[in-house]
Amino acid sequence: MVQAIVRPDKAHDVVVSLEKTGIRAFTRMDLMGHGRQKGIHVGTVHYPEIAKVWFMIVVEDGEVERTVNAIRIVARTGNPGDGKVFVSPVLESRTIRERSRVQTTLDSSSGN
């Protein structure tokens, strides 16, 4: 699973980039949070949390790097607060409608 937290103004670009890469299935969620900078200062006002968009994308192991690159290229501004990308294994998925279970074929040594 590739999870990315990006700036709201970059969310549409991420969607377009993922679709151009052939990835059309993902979950997107609006949220609030802060990173190392612990919010943002605008004049004398401090906002402890700022808006972000969280993407969750499940892809095959061979698609991880392409997915990460599709996100990083369009989400990067070069400024603090650009976001993070996390990659983690998915051991199993279950379809609710069909009550089926899909065991993944992850290589435990791959780390993805």
Protein backbone atom coordinates (compact mmCIF):
# COMPACT_ATOMS: atom_id res chain seq x y z
CA MET A 1 0.00 0.00 0.00
CA VAL A 2 1.22 3.45 -0.88
CA GLN A 3 -0.12 6.18 1.39
CA ALA A 4 0.58 9.82 0.64
CA ILE A 5 -0.22 12.97 2.56
CA VAL A 6 -0.07 16.03 0.31
CA ARG A 7 -1.01 19.69 0.20
CA PRO A 8 -4.66 20.27 -0.76
CA ASP A 9 -3.65 22.43 -3.73
CA LYS A 10 -1.69 19.45 -5.13
CA ALA A 11 -4.43 16.82 -4.68
CA HIS A 12 -5.94 17.28 -8.16
CA ASP A 13 -2.47 17.03 -9.73
CA VAL A 14 -1.88 13.78 -7.82
CA VAL A 15 -5.18 12.33 -9.11
CA VAL A 16 -4.32 13.27 -12.71
CA SER A 17 -0.80 11.86 -12.37
CA LEU A 18 -2.05 8.56 -10.90
CA GLU A 19 -4.62 8.21 -13.69
CA LYS A 20 -1.95 8.89 -16.35
CA THR A 21 0.11 6.16 -14.71
CA GLY A 22 -2.83 3.77 -15.08
CA ILE A 23 -3.85 3.82 -11.43
CA ARG A 24 -7.55 4.53 -11.17
CA ALA A 25 -8.44 2.92 -7.84
CA PHE A 26 -7.54 4.84 -4.70
CA THR A 27 -9.05 6.33 -1.57
CA ARG A 28 -8.78 10.05 -0.89
CA MET A 29 -9.56 11.74 2.42
CA ASP A 30 -9.35 15.37 3.56
CA LEU A 31 -7.77 15.81 6.98
CA MET A 32 -6.00 18.22 9.30
CA GLY A 33 -2.57 17.78 10.82
CA HIS A 34 0.93 19.12 11.28
CA GLY A 35 4.44 17.91 10.77
CA ARG A 36 7.75 18.98 12.22
CA GLN A 37 6.93 22.64 11.70
CA LYS A 38 3.93 22.20 14.06
CA GLY A 39 1.53 24.29 12.04
CA ILE A 40 1.93 27.59 10.26
CA HIS A 41 2.27 31.25 11.23
CA VAL A 42 0.34 33.84 9.24
CA GLY A 43 1.31 37.23 10.60
CA THR A 44 0.78 37.01 14.34
CA VAL A 45 -1.70 34.15 14.12
CA HIS A 46 -0.54 30.56 14.65
CA TYR A 47 -2.53 27.72 13.08
CA PRO A 48 -1.47 24.50 14.86
CA GLU A 49 -3.04 22.25 12.22
CA ILE A 50 -3.26 22.70 8.50
CA ALA A 51 -5.33 21.02 5.81
CA LYS A 52 -3.85 18.00 4.02
CA VAL A 53 -5.16 15.29 1.69
CA TRP A 54 -4.45 11.61 2.34
CA PHE A 55 -4.31 9.10 -0.51
CA MET A 56 -4.35 5.33 0.02
CA ILE A 57 -3.45 3.24 -3.02
CA VAL A 58 -3.01 -0.53 -3.10
CA VAL A 59 -0.76 -1.66 -5.94
CA GLU A 60 1.25 -4.73 -6.89
CA ASP A 61 4.87 -4.78 -5.66
CA GLY A 62 6.15 -4.01 -9.15
CA GLU A 63 4.06 -0.82 -9.31
CA VAL A 64 5.22 0.73 -6.02
CA GLU A 65 8.08 2.86 -7.38
CA ARG A 66 6.05 4.09 -10.34
CA THR A 67 3.20 5.03 -8.00
CA VAL A 68 5.48 6.83 -5.54
CA ASN A 69 7.17 8.74 -8.37
CA ALA A 70 3.82 9.72 -9.89
CA ILE A 71 2.93 11.33 -6.56
CA ARG A 72 6.28 12.88 -5.65
CA ILE A 73 6.84 14.59 -9.00
CA VAL A 74 3.56 16.52 -8.98
CA ALA A 75 3.18 17.08 -5.21
CA ARG A 76 6.61 18.60 -4.62
CA THR A 77 6.94 22.35 -4.16
CA GLY A 78 10.33 22.23 -2.46
CA ASN A 79 8.95 23.86 0.69
CA PRO A 80 8.37 22.44 4.17
CA GLY A 81 4.97 20.78 4.42
CA ASP A 82 5.00 19.13 0.98
CA GLY A 83 3.94 15.89 2.68
CA LYS A 84 5.06 12.29 3.06
CA VAL A 85 4.75 8.99 1.23
CA PHE A 86 4.55 5.73 3.18
CA VAL A 87 4.90 2.24 1.71
CA SER A 88 3.72 -0.79 3.64
CA PRO A 89 2.74 -4.39 2.91
CA VAL A 90 -0.84 -5.55 2.49
CA LEU A 91 -1.09 -9.14 3.64
CA GLU A 92 -4.67 -9.79 2.62
CA SER A 93 -7.71 -8.09 1.17
CA ARG A 94 -11.33 -9.05 1.56
CA THR A 95 -14.15 -8.10 -0.76
CA ILE A 96 -17.27 -7.17 1.17
CA ARG A 97 -19.77 -7.75 -1.63
CA GLU A 98 -18.53 -11.19 -2.62
CA ARG A 99 -17.26 -12.35 0.79
CA SER A 100 -14.09 -13.46 -0.92
CA ARG A 101 -10.57 -13.31 0.41
CA VAL A 102 -7.50 -12.55 -1.66
CA GLN A 103 -4.14 -13.59 -0.27
CA THR A 104 -1.35 -11.42 -1.58
CA THR A 105 1.80 -12.87 -3.06
CA LEU A 106 4.27 -10.59 -1.31
CA ASP A 107 7.87 -11.62 -1.04
CA SER A 108 8.60 -11.14 2.66
CA SER A 109 12.16 -10.11 1.84
CA SER A 110 11.02 -7.25 -0.43
CA GLY A 111 9.80 -5.04 2.41
CA ASN A 112 6.89 -3.70 0.33
